[in-house]
Amino acid sequence: QVQLVESGGGLVQAGGSLRLSCAASGPASSGYHMNWFRQAPGKEREFVARINGSGVRKEYSDSVKGRFTISKDIARNTVYLQMNSLKPEDTAMYYCNANRAAYNFWGQGIQVTVTS
């Protein structure tokens, strides 16, 4: 069982920045691919960014590419999502996800609200 705890969300004006953190704990949690998803009210959960276990490979959705950066502190077993140039359409509940083979774990989610 991998436990994920998100932090860093909040309210920000358009054009501003926030950094989300996801602290992972549990057996072999450092070997998981780590992902950020988000879900806006009335919409389906969507993929935002991914980083592999070693922190070398990263992927982003088209909607955040160039504005968001995912990174990993291996020593702290924590994944970060630096969000710059935020837009009102980035408003959503953001979820951290750990995934490897058939294993899939989710954090409780954290709210990000961007005002215009």
C-alpha atoms as a PDB file:
ATOM      1  CA  GLN A   1       0.000   0.000   0.000  1.00  0.00           C
ATOM      2  CA  VAL A   2       1.362   3.409  -1.029  1.00  0.00           C
ATOM      3  CA  GLN A   3       0.150   6.495   0.809  1.00  0.00           C
ATOM      4  CA  LEU A   4       0.077   9.823  -1.015  1.00  0.00           C
ATOM      5  CA  VAL A   5      -0.407  13.194   0.641  1.00  0.00           C
ATOM      6  CA  GLU A   6      -0.860  16.317  -1.474  1.00  0.00           C
ATOM      7  CA  SER A   7      -0.225  19.866  -0.332  1.00  0.00           C
ATOM      8  CA  GLY A   8       0.258  23.347  -1.766  1.00  0.00           C
ATOM      9  CA  GLY A   9      -3.066  24.112  -3.365  1.00  0.00           C
ATOM     10  CA  GLY A  10      -5.044  27.282  -2.881  1.00  0.00           C
ATOM     11  CA  LEU A  11      -6.433  30.405  -4.489  1.00  0.00           C
ATOM     12  CA  VAL A  12      -4.405  32.419  -6.989  1.00  0.00           C
ATOM     13  CA  GLN A  13      -5.052  35.084  -9.595  1.00  0.00           C
ATOM     14  CA  ALA A  14      -4.681  34.346 -13.289  1.00  0.00           C
ATOM     15  CA  GLY A  15      -1.056  34.594 -14.324  1.00  0.00           C
ATOM     16  CA  GLY A  16       0.138  33.507 -10.909  1.00  0.00           C
ATOM     17  CA  SER A  17       1.950  30.403  -9.757  1.00  0.00           C
ATOM     18  CA  LEU A  18       1.473  27.548  -7.319  1.00  0.00           C
ATOM     19  CA  ARG A  19       3.543  24.514  -6.458  1.00  0.00           C
ATOM     20  CA  LEU A  20       1.843  21.273  -5.511  1.00  0.00           C
ATOM     21  CA  SER A  21       3.642  18.589  -3.545  1.00  0.00           C
ATOM     22  CA  CYS A  22       2.883  14.898  -3.242  1.00  0.00           C
ATOM     23  CA  ALA A  23       4.697  13.000  -0.505  1.00  0.00           C
ATOM     24  CA  ALA A  24       4.733   9.236  -1.040  1.00  0.00           C
ATOM     25  CA  SER A  25       5.292   6.591   1.602  1.00  0.00           C
ATOM     26  CA  GLY A  26       4.984   2.847   1.785  1.00  0.00           C
ATOM     27  CA  PRO A  27       6.782  -0.222   0.451  1.00  0.00           C
ATOM     28  CA  ALA A  28       8.777   0.409  -2.730  1.00  0.00           C
ATOM     29  CA  SER A  29       6.925   3.690  -3.303  1.00  0.00           C
ATOM     30  CA  SER A  30      10.023   5.197  -4.885  1.00  0.00           C
ATOM     31  CA  GLY A  31       9.728   2.806  -7.835  1.00  0.00           C
ATOM     32  CA  TYR A  32       6.317   3.965  -8.972  1.00  0.00           C
ATOM     33  CA  HIS A  33       5.505   6.211 -11.883  1.00  0.00           C
ATOM     34  CA  MET A  34       4.003   9.354 -10.408  1.00  0.00           C
ATOM     35  CA  ASN A  35       1.204  11.256 -12.085  1.00  0.00           C
ATOM     36  CA  TRP A  36      -0.896  14.351 -11.551  1.00  0.00           C
ATOM     37  CA  PHE A  37      -4.514  14.349 -12.652  1.00  0.00           C
ATOM     38  CA  ARG A  38      -7.186  16.987 -12.218  1.00  0.00           C
ATOM     39  CA  GLN A  39     -10.939  17.109 -12.207  1.00  0.00           C
ATOM     40  CA  ALA A  40     -13.010  20.231 -12.677  1.00  0.00           C
ATOM     41  CA  PRO A  41     -16.662  20.361 -11.591  1.00  0.00           C
ATOM     42  CA  GLY A  42     -18.872  18.528 -14.057  1.00  0.00           C
ATOM     43  CA  LYS A  43     -15.916  17.172 -16.009  1.00  0.00           C
ATOM     44  CA  GLU A  44     -14.039  13.894 -16.128  1.00  0.00           C
ATOM     45  CA  ARG A  45     -10.695  13.451 -14.439  1.00  0.00           C
ATOM     46  CA  GLU A  46      -7.905  14.265 -16.869  1.00  0.00           C
ATOM     47  CA  PHE A  47      -4.195  13.561 -17.035  1.00  0.00           C
ATOM     48  CA  VAL A  48      -1.899  16.503 -16.339  1.00  0.00           C
ATOM     49  CA  ALA A  49       1.707  15.272 -15.994  1.00  0.00           C
ATOM     50  CA  ARG A  50       3.785  12.155 -15.374  1.00  0.00           C
ATOM     51  CA  ILE A  51       7.297  11.395 -14.161  1.00  0.00           C
ATOM     52  CA  ASN A  52       8.881   7.957 -14.083  1.00  0.00           C
ATOM     53  CA  GLY A  53      10.466   6.306 -11.047  1.00  0.00           C
ATOM     54  CA  SER A  54      13.959   7.563 -11.764  1.00  0.00           C
ATOM     55  CA  GLY A  55      12.721  11.066 -12.487  1.00  0.00           C
ATOM     56  CA  VAL A  56      14.214  11.074 -15.993  1.00  0.00           C
ATOM     57  CA  ARG A  57      11.145  10.746 -18.231  1.00  0.00           C
ATOM     58  CA  LYS A  58       8.388  13.346 -18.069  1.00  0.00           C
ATOM     59  CA  GLU A  59       5.167  13.808 -19.992  1.00  0.00           C
ATOM     60  CA  TYR A  60       2.608  16.586 -20.044  1.00  0.00           C
ATOM     61  CA  SER A  61      -0.856  17.129 -21.415  1.00  0.00           C
ATOM     62  CA  ASP A  62      -1.053  19.643 -24.235  1.00  0.00           C
ATOM     63  CA  SER A  63      -3.110  21.990 -22.074  1.00  0.00           C
ATOM     64  CA  VAL A  64      -0.289  22.498 -19.541  1.00  0.00           C
ATOM     65  CA  LYS A  65       2.844  21.951 -21.639  1.00  0.00           C
ATOM     66  CA  GLY A  66       5.196  24.897 -21.299  1.00  0.00           C
ATOM     67  CA  ARG A  67       3.455  26.180 -18.150  1.00  0.00           C
ATOM     68  CA  PHE A  68       3.677  23.273 -15.697  1.00  0.00           C
ATOM     69  CA  THR A  69       6.785  21.373 -14.640  1.00  0.00           C
ATOM     70  CA  ILE A  70       6.824  18.044 -12.837  1.00  0.00           C
ATOM     71  CA  SER A  71       9.846  17.072 -10.779  1.00  0.00           C
ATOM     72  CA  LYS A  72      10.874  14.566  -8.159  1.00  0.00           C
ATOM     73  CA  ASP A  73      13.000  14.724  -5.042  1.00  0.00           C
ATOM     74  CA  ILE A  74      14.165  11.120  -4.728  1.00  0.00           C
ATOM     75  CA  ALA A  75      15.632  11.603  -1.258  1.00  0.00           C
ATOM     76  CA  ARG A  76      12.318  12.940   0.055  1.00  0.00           C
ATOM     77  CA  ASN A  77      10.213  10.628  -2.145  1.00  0.00           C
ATOM     78  CA  THR A  78       8.174  13.664  -3.074  1.00  0.00           C
ATOM     79  CA  VAL A  79       6.854  14.784  -6.435  1.00  0.00           C
ATOM     80  CA  TYR A  80       6.207  18.406  -7.266  1.00  0.00           C
ATOM     81  CA  LEU A  81       4.063  20.146  -9.840  1.00  0.00           C
ATOM     82  CA  GLN A  82       5.189  23.709 -10.461  1.00  0.00           C
ATOM     83  CA  MET A  83       2.315  25.559 -12.100  1.00  0.00           C
ATOM     84  CA  ASN A  84       3.071  28.892 -13.750  1.00  0.00           C
ATOM     85  CA  SER A  85       0.976  31.254 -15.870  1.00  0.00           C
ATOM     86  CA  LEU A  86      -2.153  29.812 -14.316  1.00  0.00           C
ATOM     87  CA  LYS A  87      -5.465  30.289 -16.090  1.00  0.00           C
ATOM     88  CA  PRO A  88      -9.025  30.142 -14.767  1.00  0.00           C
ATOM     89  CA  GLU A  89      -9.483  26.912 -16.733  1.00  0.00           C
ATOM     90  CA  ASP A  90      -6.795  25.309 -14.549  1.00  0.00           C
ATOM     91  CA  THR A  91      -9.260  25.457 -11.651  1.00  0.00           C
ATOM     92  CA  ALA A  92      -9.842  21.897 -10.464  1.00  0.00           C
ATOM     93  CA  MET A  93      -9.201  19.347  -7.772  1.00  0.00           C
ATOM     94  CA  TYR A  94      -5.708  18.012  -8.367  1.00  0.00           C
ATOM     95  CA  TYR A  95      -4.892  14.391  -7.549  1.00  0.00           C
ATOM     96  CA  CYS A  96      -1.561  12.676  -7.121  1.00  0.00           C
ATOM     97  CA  ASN A  97      -1.385   9.118  -8.461  1.00  0.00           C
ATOM     98  CA  ALA A  98       1.206   6.363  -8.093  1.00  0.00           C
ATOM     99  CA  ASN A  99       1.120   3.651 -10.705  1.00  0.00           C
ATOM    100  CA  ARG A 100       3.121   0.516 -11.465  1.00  0.00           C
ATOM    101  CA  ALA A 101       1.845  -2.524 -13.345  1.00  0.00           C
ATOM    102  CA  ALA A 102      -1.534  -3.415 -11.831  1.00  0.00           C
ATOM    103  CA  TYR A 103      -1.033  -1.195  -8.797  1.00  0.00           C
ATOM    104  CA  ASN A 104      -2.680   2.186  -8.667  1.00  0.00           C
ATOM    105  CA  PHE A 105      -2.916   4.526  -5.678  1.00  0.00           C
ATOM    106  CA  TRP A 106      -4.500   7.956  -5.284  1.00  0.00           C
ATOM    107  CA  GLY A 107      -4.093  10.877  -2.938  1.00  0.00           C
ATOM    108  CA  GLN A 108      -7.083  12.618  -1.395  1.00  0.00           C
ATOM    109  CA  GLY A 109      -6.883  15.550  -3.791  1.00  0.00           C
ATOM    110  CA  ILE A 110      -6.210  19.239  -3.310  1.00  0.00           C
ATOM    111  CA  GLN A 111      -8.116  22.223  -4.638  1.00  0.00           C
ATOM    112  CA  VAL A 112      -6.580  24.781  -6.988  1.00  0.00           C
ATOM    113  CA  THR A 113      -8.700  27.817  -7.810  1.00  0.00           C
ATOM    114  CA  VAL A 114      -7.584  30.438 -10.337  1.00  0.00           C
ATOM    115  CA  THR A 115      -9.529  33.684 -10.441  1.00  0.00           C
ATOM    116  CA  SER A 116      -9.695  35.990 -13.437  1.00  0.00           C
END
